[in-house]
Amino acid sequence: MTTILYIFFGGGLGSVLRYLISILFVNYTFPLATLLANIISCVLLGFVLFVIQNFNLNDNLKLFFIIGFCGGLSTFSTFSYETIGLIKSGHIQYAVLNVFFSISMCLCILYFLIKKL
C-alpha cells in the first residue's frame, strides 16, 4: 500500500506542475505548455535515471519520481488531442511541427542525458 501512495503523491505533484505550466501558455495556437511539460519530464527522468545508476535510491522514491511525478507531468494523451485539434482547425504546419518537436526533442534529451550522465 505504501508503494501506491508514493506513486499517487508523485503523480499528483506532476499533474499540478503540468497544470501550472499550462496556465502560463493559455493563448498560444501552438501547444507550448504540453511540449514544455513533456521536455521537463524527460529532463527530470534523465536525472532520476542517473541517480538510480550511481546511487542507491529507495525503490519507493524511484516509483515516486519515474511513474508518479514524471508520469503525471508528461502527457501523451494531451499531446495527441492538441495535435488532432491543430489538424481540425487547419493548422497542419503546426501539427507537423508539434509532432516533430515533441518526439525528437524528448527522445534526444533523454538519450543525451542517459548517455552523458
C-alpha atoms as a PDB file:
ATOM      1  CA  MET A   1       0.000   0.000   0.000  1.00  0.00           C
ATOM      2  CA  THR A   2       2.889   2.358   0.739  1.00  0.00           C
ATOM      3  CA  THR A   3       4.137   1.935  -2.830  1.00  0.00           C
ATOM      4  CA  ILE A   4       0.776   3.036  -4.218  1.00  0.00           C
ATOM      5  CA  LEU A   5       0.881   6.168  -2.048  1.00  0.00           C
ATOM      6  CA  TYR A   6       4.315   7.136  -3.381  1.00  0.00           C
ATOM      7  CA  ILE A   7       3.043   6.834  -6.952  1.00  0.00           C
ATOM      8  CA  PHE A   8      -0.184   8.646  -6.039  1.00  0.00           C
ATOM      9  CA  PHE A   9       1.563  11.649  -4.481  1.00  0.00           C
ATOM     10  CA  GLY A  10       4.212  11.821  -7.205  1.00  0.00           C
ATOM     11  CA  GLY A  11       1.535  11.732  -9.897  1.00  0.00           C
ATOM     12  CA  GLY A  12      -0.458  14.419  -8.122  1.00  0.00           C
ATOM     13  CA  LEU A  13       2.532  16.748  -7.864  1.00  0.00           C
ATOM     14  CA  GLY A  14       3.476  16.147 -11.502  1.00  0.00           C
ATOM     15  CA  SER A  15      -0.079  16.842 -12.643  1.00  0.00           C
ATOM     16  CA  VAL A  16      -0.260  20.056 -10.633  1.00  0.00           C
ATOM     17  CA  LEU A  17       3.021  21.236 -12.147  1.00  0.00           C
ATOM     18  CA  ARG A  18       1.676  20.431 -15.634  1.00  0.00           C
ATOM     19  CA  TYR A  19      -1.438  22.478 -14.876  1.00  0.00           C
ATOM     20  CA  LEU A  20       0.656  25.435 -13.649  1.00  0.00           C
ATOM     21  CA  ILE A  21       2.720  25.299 -16.835  1.00  0.00           C
ATOM     22  CA  SER A  22      -0.480  25.278 -18.910  1.00  0.00           C
ATOM     23  CA  ILE A  23      -1.646  28.474 -17.193  1.00  0.00           C
ATOM     24  CA  LEU A  24       1.463  30.261 -18.481  1.00  0.00           C
ATOM     25  CA  PHE A  25       0.736  29.403 -22.129  1.00  0.00           C
ATOM     26  CA  VAL A  26      -3.032  29.791 -22.453  1.00  0.00           C
ATOM     27  CA  ASN A  27      -3.301  31.995 -25.536  1.00  0.00           C
ATOM     28  CA  TYR A  28      -0.984  30.250 -27.983  1.00  0.00           C
ATOM     29  CA  THR A  29      -2.051  28.351 -31.097  1.00  0.00           C
ATOM     30  CA  PHE A  30       0.977  26.070 -30.827  1.00  0.00           C
ATOM     31  CA  PRO A  31       0.712  23.795 -27.752  1.00  0.00           C
ATOM     32  CA  LEU A  32       3.793  25.136 -25.961  1.00  0.00           C
ATOM     33  CA  ALA A  33       2.618  24.104 -22.499  1.00  0.00           C
ATOM     34  CA  THR A  34       2.368  20.417 -23.381  1.00  0.00           C
ATOM     35  CA  LEU A  35       5.693  20.500 -25.223  1.00  0.00           C
ATOM     36  CA  LEU A  36       7.375  22.184 -22.267  1.00  0.00           C
ATOM     37  CA  ALA A  37       5.821  19.784 -19.742  1.00  0.00           C
ATOM     38  CA  ASN A  38       6.999  16.787 -21.762  1.00  0.00           C
ATOM     39  CA  ILE A  39      10.505  18.227 -22.149  1.00  0.00           C
ATOM     40  CA  ILE A  40      10.774  18.976 -18.418  1.00  0.00           C
ATOM     41  CA  SER A  41       9.548  15.456 -17.675  1.00  0.00           C
ATOM     42  CA  CYS A  42      12.234  13.938 -19.917  1.00  0.00           C
ATOM     43  CA  VAL A  43      14.960  16.064 -18.314  1.00  0.00           C
ATOM     44  CA  LEU A  44      13.823  15.028 -14.835  1.00  0.00           C
ATOM     45  CA  LEU A  45      13.550  11.390 -15.896  1.00  0.00           C
ATOM     46  CA  GLY A  46      17.106  11.514 -17.250  1.00  0.00           C
ATOM     47  CA  PHE A  47      18.420  12.890 -13.969  1.00  0.00           C
ATOM     48  CA  VAL A  48      16.467  10.360 -11.921  1.00  0.00           C
ATOM     49  CA  LEU A  49      17.856   7.530 -14.058  1.00  0.00           C
ATOM     50  CA  PHE A  50      21.346   8.949 -13.499  1.00  0.00           C
ATOM     51  CA  VAL A  51      20.792   8.973  -9.741  1.00  0.00           C
ATOM     52  CA  ILE A  52      19.449   5.419  -9.861  1.00  0.00           C
ATOM     53  CA  GLN A  53      22.506   4.208 -11.783  1.00  0.00           C
ATOM     54  CA  ASN A  54      25.008   5.940  -9.497  1.00  0.00           C
ATOM     55  CA  PHE A  55      23.390   5.901  -6.077  1.00  0.00           C
ATOM     56  CA  ASN A  56      21.293   3.503  -4.080  1.00  0.00           C
ATOM     57  CA  LEU A  57      17.875   5.141  -4.374  1.00  0.00           C
ATOM     58  CA  ASN A  58      14.992   3.670  -2.389  1.00  0.00           C
ATOM     59  CA  ASP A  59      12.557   1.703  -4.602  1.00  0.00           C
ATOM     60  CA  ASN A  60       9.615   3.804  -3.439  1.00  0.00           C
ATOM     61  CA  LEU A  61      11.434   7.009  -4.401  1.00  0.00           C
ATOM     62  CA  LYS A  62      12.119   5.544  -7.839  1.00  0.00           C
ATOM     63  CA  LEU A  63       8.401   4.892  -8.272  1.00  0.00           C
ATOM     64  CA  PHE A  64       7.553   8.343  -6.882  1.00  0.00           C
ATOM     65  CA  PHE A  65       9.714  10.087  -9.478  1.00  0.00           C
ATOM     66  CA  ILE A  66       9.530   7.801 -12.531  1.00  0.00           C
ATOM     67  CA  ILE A  67       5.949   6.551 -12.554  1.00  0.00           C
ATOM     68  CA  GLY A  68       4.389   9.183 -10.317  1.00  0.00           C
ATOM     69  CA  PHE A  69       5.947  12.590 -10.908  1.00  0.00           C
ATOM     70  CA  CYS A  70       7.253  12.172 -14.466  1.00  0.00           C
ATOM     71  CA  GLY A  71       4.127  10.225 -15.439  1.00  0.00           C
ATOM     72  CA  GLY A  72       1.882  12.944 -14.032  1.00  0.00           C
ATOM     73  CA  LEU A  73       3.894  15.739 -15.621  1.00  0.00           C
ATOM     74  CA  SER A  74       4.231  14.270 -19.100  1.00  0.00           C
ATOM     75  CA  THR A  75       1.182  13.745 -21.230  1.00  0.00           C
ATOM     76  CA  PHE A  76       0.899  11.784 -24.435  1.00  0.00           C
ATOM     77  CA  SER A  77      -2.886  11.971 -24.490  1.00  0.00           C
ATOM     78  CA  THR A  78      -2.936  15.793 -24.344  1.00  0.00           C
ATOM     79  CA  PHE A  79      -0.197  15.931 -26.979  1.00  0.00           C
ATOM     80  CA  SER A  80      -2.315  13.707 -29.252  1.00  0.00           C
ATOM     81  CA  TYR A  81      -5.524  15.639 -28.563  1.00  0.00           C
ATOM     82  CA  GLU A  82      -3.885  19.004 -29.249  1.00  0.00           C
ATOM     83  CA  THR A  83      -2.285  17.705 -32.453  1.00  0.00           C
ATOM     84  CA  ILE A  84      -5.671  16.490 -33.723  1.00  0.00           C
ATOM     85  CA  GLY A  85      -7.139  19.883 -32.752  1.00  0.00           C
ATOM     86  CA  LEU A  86      -4.486  21.653 -34.818  1.00  0.00           C
ATOM     87  CA  ILE A  87      -5.299  19.460 -37.815  1.00  0.00           C
ATOM     88  CA  LYS A  88      -9.044  20.036 -37.448  1.00  0.00           C
ATOM     89  CA  SER A  89      -8.571  23.802 -37.218  1.00  0.00           C
ATOM     90  CA  GLY A  90      -6.469  23.853 -40.387  1.00  0.00           C
ATOM     91  CA  HIS A  91      -3.108  24.427 -38.703  1.00  0.00           C
ATOM     92  CA  ILE A  92      -1.463  21.479 -40.428  1.00  0.00           C
ATOM     93  CA  GLN A  93       2.008  23.042 -40.270  1.00  0.00           C
ATOM     94  CA  TYR A  94       1.707  23.486 -36.502  1.00  0.00           C
ATOM     95  CA  ALA A  95       0.504  19.890 -36.137  1.00  0.00           C
ATOM     96  CA  VAL A  96       3.523  18.586 -38.051  1.00  0.00           C
ATOM     97  CA  LEU A  97       5.885  20.804 -36.058  1.00  0.00           C
ATOM     98  CA  ASN A  98       4.266  19.698 -32.820  1.00  0.00           C
ATOM     99  CA  VAL A  99       4.782  16.030 -33.649  1.00  0.00           C
ATOM    100  CA  PHE A 100       8.329  16.617 -34.878  1.00  0.00           C
ATOM    101  CA  PHE A 101       9.477  18.765 -31.953  1.00  0.00           C
ATOM    102  CA  SER A 102       7.706  16.775 -29.260  1.00  0.00           C
ATOM    103  CA  ILE A 103       9.089  13.429 -30.328  1.00  0.00           C
ATOM    104  CA  SER A 104      12.552  14.487 -31.489  1.00  0.00           C
ATOM    105  CA  MET A 105      13.288  16.834 -28.592  1.00  0.00           C
ATOM    106  CA  CYS A 106      12.105  14.448 -25.896  1.00  0.00           C
ATOM    107  CA  LEU A 107      13.960  11.478 -27.376  1.00  0.00           C
ATOM    108  CA  CYS A 108      17.155  13.485 -27.911  1.00  0.00           C
ATOM    109  CA  ILE A 109      17.082  14.979 -24.421  1.00  0.00           C
ATOM    110  CA  LEU A 110      16.560  11.630 -22.772  1.00  0.00           C
ATOM    111  CA  TYR A 111      19.171   9.921 -24.959  1.00  0.00           C
ATOM    112  CA  PHE A 112      21.732  12.633 -24.261  1.00  0.00           C
ATOM    113  CA  LEU A 113      21.124  12.587 -20.525  1.00  0.00           C
ATOM    114  CA  ILE A 114      21.266   8.803 -20.239  1.00  0.00           C
ATOM    115  CA  LYS A 115      24.378   8.566 -22.417  1.00  0.00           C
ATOM    116  CA  LYS A 116      26.270  11.528 -20.949  1.00  0.00           C
ATOM    117  CA  LEU A 117      25.363  11.253 -17.303  1.00  0.00           C
END
